[in-house]
Structure formats: structure tokens, C-alpha cells
C-alpha atoms as a PDB file:
ATOM      1  CA  MET A   1     125.153-101.517  21.223  1.00  0.00           C
ATOM      2  CA  MET A   2     124.610 -98.074  20.710  1.00  0.00           C
ATOM      3  CA  GLY A   3     124.910 -98.582  16.700  1.00  0.00           C
ATOM      4  CA  GLY A   4     122.055 -98.894  14.732  1.00  0.00           C
ATOM      5  CA  ASN A   5     120.276 -97.258  11.641  1.00  0.00           C
ATOM      6  CA  GLY A   6     118.272 -94.007  11.746  1.00  0.00           C
ATOM      7  CA  SER A   7     115.873 -93.465  13.845  1.00  0.00           C
ATOM      8  CA  SER A   8     117.064 -96.418  16.378  1.00  0.00           C
ATOM      9  CA  ARG A   9     120.195 -95.109  16.759  1.00  0.00           C
ATOM     10  CA  SER A  10     120.750 -92.244  19.810  1.00  0.00           C
ATOM     11  CA  ARG A  11     122.893 -89.544  17.894  1.00  0.00           C
ATOM     12  CA  HIS A  12     124.233 -88.521  20.967  1.00  0.00           C
ATOM     13  CA  ALA A  13     124.884 -91.970  22.479  1.00  0.00           C
ATOM     14  CA  TRP A  14     126.456 -92.684  19.393  1.00  0.00           C
ATOM     15  CA  LYS A  15     128.916 -89.552  18.910  1.00  0.00           C
ATOM     16  CA  GLN A  16     129.855 -90.146  22.560  1.00  0.00           C
ATOM     17  CA  VAL A  17     130.942 -93.710  21.921  1.00  0.00           C
ATOM     18  CA  TYR A  18     132.753 -93.248  18.771  1.00  0.00           C
ATOM     19  CA  ARG A  19     134.692 -90.083  20.245  1.00  0.00           C
ATOM     20  CA  ALA A  20     135.214 -91.840  23.366  1.00  0.00           C
ATOM     21  CA  LEU A  21     137.455 -94.885  21.954  1.00  0.00           C
ATOM     22  CA  SER A  22     141.123 -94.383  23.005  1.00  0.00           C
ATOM     23  CA  HIS A  23     143.029 -96.002  20.159  1.00  0.00           C
ATOM     24  CA  GLY A  24     145.896 -96.709  22.332  1.00  0.00           C
ATOM     25  CA  PRO A  25     144.448 -99.018  25.031  1.00  0.00           C
ATOM     26  CA  THR A  26     142.315-100.492  22.177  1.00  0.00           C
ATOM     27  CA  LYS A  27     145.186-101.820  20.054  1.00  0.00           C
ATOM     28  CA  LYS A  28     146.453-103.013  23.438  1.00  0.00           C
ATOM     29  CA  ALA A  29     143.141-105.101  24.180  1.00  0.00           C
ATOM     30  CA  CYS A  30     143.112-105.972  20.453  1.00  0.00           C
ATOM     31  CA  SER A  31     146.004-107.891  20.999  1.00  0.00           C
ATOM     32  CA  HIS A  32     145.168-109.633  23.895  1.00  0.00           C
ATOM     33  CA  LYS A  33     145.703-113.135  24.458  1.00  0.00           C
ATOM     34  CA  SER A  34     142.001-113.393  25.594  1.00  0.00           C
ATOM     35  CA  VAL A  35     140.989-112.521  21.763  1.00  0.00           C
ATOM     36  CA  GLU A  36     142.083-116.085  21.130  1.00  0.00           C
ATOM     37  CA  LYS A  37     139.018-117.030  22.755  1.00  0.00           C
ATOM     38  CA  PHE A  38     136.739-115.047  20.560  1.00  0.00           C
ATOM     39  CA  PRO A  39     135.425-116.327  17.004  1.00  0.00           C
ATOM     40  CA  LYS A  40     137.781-116.154  14.055  1.00  0.00           C
ATOM     41  CA  GLU A  41     135.508-113.273  12.730  1.00  0.00           C
ATOM     42  CA  VAL A  42     136.144-111.306  16.148  1.00  0.00           C
ATOM     43  CA  GLN A  43     139.827-112.577  16.087  1.00  0.00           C
ATOM     44  CA  ASP A  44     140.507-111.174  12.250  1.00  0.00           C
ATOM     45  CA  PHE A  45     138.891-108.092  13.370  1.00  0.00           C
ATOM     46  CA  ALA A  46     141.024-107.466  16.188  1.00  0.00           C
ATOM     47  CA  ASN A  47     144.145-108.289  14.106  1.00  0.00           C
ATOM     48  CA  MET A  48     143.267-105.891  11.207  1.00  0.00           C
ATOM     49  CA  PHE A  49     142.652-103.145  14.263  1.00  0.00           C
ATOM     50  CA  VAL A  50     146.090-103.965  15.128  1.00  0.00           C
ATOM     51  CA  GLN A  51     147.717-103.676  11.654  1.00  0.00           C
ATOM     52  CA  MET A  52     145.907-100.702  10.507  1.00  0.00           C
ATOM     53  CA  GLN A  53     146.702 -98.713  13.950  1.00  0.00           C
ATOM     54  CA  THR A  54     150.399 -99.841  13.336  1.00  0.00           C
ATOM     55  CA  LYS A  55     150.057 -98.439  10.218  1.00  0.00           C
ATOM     56  CA  ARG A  56     148.151 -95.159  10.835  1.00  0.00           C
ATOM     57  CA  HIS A  57     150.427 -94.167  13.702  1.00  0.00           C
ATOM     58  CA  ALA A  58     154.105 -94.668  11.160  1.00  0.00           C
ATOM     59  CA  ALA A  59     151.739 -92.578   8.790  1.00  0.00           C
ATOM     60  CA  ASP A  60     151.002 -89.864  11.458  1.00  0.00           C
ATOM     61  CA  TYR A  61     154.702 -89.874  13.237  1.00  0.00           C
ATOM     62  CA  ASP A  62     157.340 -90.967  10.366  1.00  0.00           C
ATOM     63  CA  PRO A  63     157.671 -88.630   8.021  1.00  0.00           C
ATOM     64  CA  THR A  64     159.527 -91.078   6.083  1.00  0.00           C
ATOM     65  CA  THR A  65     156.624 -93.530   6.106  1.00  0.00           C
ATOM     66  CA  ARG A  66     155.409 -93.556   2.335  1.00  0.00           C
ATOM     67  CA  SER A  67     152.509 -95.547   0.946  1.00  0.00           C
ATOM     68  CA  LYS A  68     151.691 -96.660  -2.401  1.00  0.00           C
ATOM     69  CA  LYS A  69     147.939 -95.737  -3.482  1.00  0.00           C
ATOM     70  CA  SER A  70     147.432 -99.742  -4.692  1.00  0.00           C
ATOM     71  CA  THR A  71     148.513-100.694  -0.735  1.00  0.00           C
ATOM     72  CA  VAL A  72     146.202 -98.631   0.835  1.00  0.00           C
ATOM     73  CA  LEU A  73     143.588 -99.802  -1.564  1.00  0.00           C
ATOM     74  CA  LEU A  74     144.177-103.323  -0.585  1.00  0.00           C
ATOM     75  CA  ASP A  75     144.169-102.655   2.966  1.00  0.00           C
ATOM     76  CA  ILE A  76     140.873-100.575   2.778  1.00  0.00           C
ATOM     77  CA  GLU A  77     139.232-103.801   0.874  1.00  0.00           C
ATOM     78  CA  GLY A  78     140.861-105.536   3.944  1.00  0.00           C
ATOM     79  CA  VAL A  79     139.287-103.333   6.300  1.00  0.00           C
ATOM     80  CA  GLU A  80     136.216-103.686   4.810  1.00  0.00           C
ATOM     81  CA  ALA A  81     136.386-107.305   4.440  1.00  0.00           C
ATOM     82  CA  ALA A  82     137.154-107.806   8.424  1.00  0.00           C
ATOM     83  CA  ILE A  83     133.693-105.595   9.264  1.00  0.00           C
ATOM     84  CA  ASN A  84     131.321-107.434   6.976  1.00  0.00           C
ATOM     85  CA  ASP A  85     132.706-110.739   8.667  1.00  0.00           C
ATOM     86  CA  PHE A  86     133.080-108.867  12.145  1.00  0.00           C
ATOM     87  CA  MET A  87     129.734-108.462  11.623  1.00  0.00           C
ATOM     88  CA  LYS A  88     128.632-111.940  10.448  1.00  0.00           C
ATOM     89  CA  ALA A  89     129.818-113.203  14.483  1.00  0.00           C
ATOM     90  CA  ALA A  90     127.163-113.509  16.982  1.00  0.00           C
ATOM     91  CA  VAL A  91     125.612-110.557  18.572  1.00  0.00           C
ATOM     92  CA  LYS A  92     126.749-111.938  21.980  1.00  0.00           C
ATOM     93  CA  ASP A  93     130.440-112.255  20.815  1.00  0.00           C
ATOM     94  CA  ARG A  94     130.408-108.605  19.008  1.00  0.00           C
ATOM     95  CA  ARG A  95     129.175-107.404  22.379  1.00  0.00           C
ATOM     96  CA  ALA A  96     131.605-109.507  24.866  1.00  0.00           C
ATOM     97  CA  PHE A  97     134.309-107.909  21.960  1.00  0.00           C
ATOM     98  CA  ALA A  98     133.053-104.124  22.446  1.00  0.00           C
ATOM     99  CA  ALA A  99     133.670-104.743  26.269  1.00  0.00           C
ATOM    100  CA  LEU A 100     136.887-106.002  26.133  1.00  0.00           C
ATOM    101  CA  VAL A 101     138.213-103.200  24.406  1.00  0.00           C
ATOM    102  CA  LEU A 102     135.672-100.191  25.894  1.00  0.00           C
ATOM    103  CA  PHE A 103     136.089-101.160  29.880  1.00  0.00           C
ATOM    104  CA  LYS A 104     139.503-101.832  31.149  1.00  0.00           C
ATOM    105  CA  GLN A 105     139.861-105.013  32.680  1.00  0.00           C
ATOM    106  CA  GLN A 106     139.975-105.467  36.615  1.00  0.00           C
ATOM    107  CA  ASN A 107     142.982-107.648  37.053  1.00  0.00           C
ATOM    108  CA  GLU A 108     145.666-105.721  34.809  1.00  0.00           C
ATOM    109  CA  ARG A 109     147.774-103.613  36.916  1.00  0.00           C
ATOM    110  CA  GLU A 110     148.910-100.432  35.807  1.00  0.00           C
END
């Protein structure tokens, strides 16, 4: 939507979207049952986001959390693979997923 490379990307729009993503609601959207309707590449990406957000939260807020370097390196490989696979999904599915995580669903109650 706002990505791209070099001159095809609006730097201002990219920064705005990049900083606007709220991790809590994004994690909730990635855990929503509607993700099951997406192709496997998108589902795997959503699941990876949830896993990594959970680990990040533990690292930030639980002083007893410790991670081995080898585990972190495996996580990085997993995230890179999830991103690469996600990028292989059809553009329409990636855009629909972006809409899911960026915009609150109207039928959800607070």
C-alpha cells in the first residue's frame, strides 16, 4: 500500500503508516478467526507476528526473561522466512490482510 522502493515510495506516507501501527490491536487482529480465510503464507505471517509480539512483550516487561543468542537467531530466521513467504502471497491477499490489521472491524464491540 505505502511500501515500495526508492522514488516510488512516499517517505512521509511510509513513516506515518510505519509509526501508526499499534502492536496490541495488530496482535489481536492477527489472532482473529478471520485470518483462517487467508492463504497459508498470510496465516503463517500472522502467527509469527503473534509469537514475536509475545516474546517482545516478555522481554520488555518481565525482568526474569532471558533469551539465548541461538534462540534469537532462530527467531530472526523464522521471521525472515515468514516475511519472504508473505511476499509470495497474492497482492490482493496482502492488501486485505493490511486492511484487517490497520482498520477496526465495524462489527466488533468494544
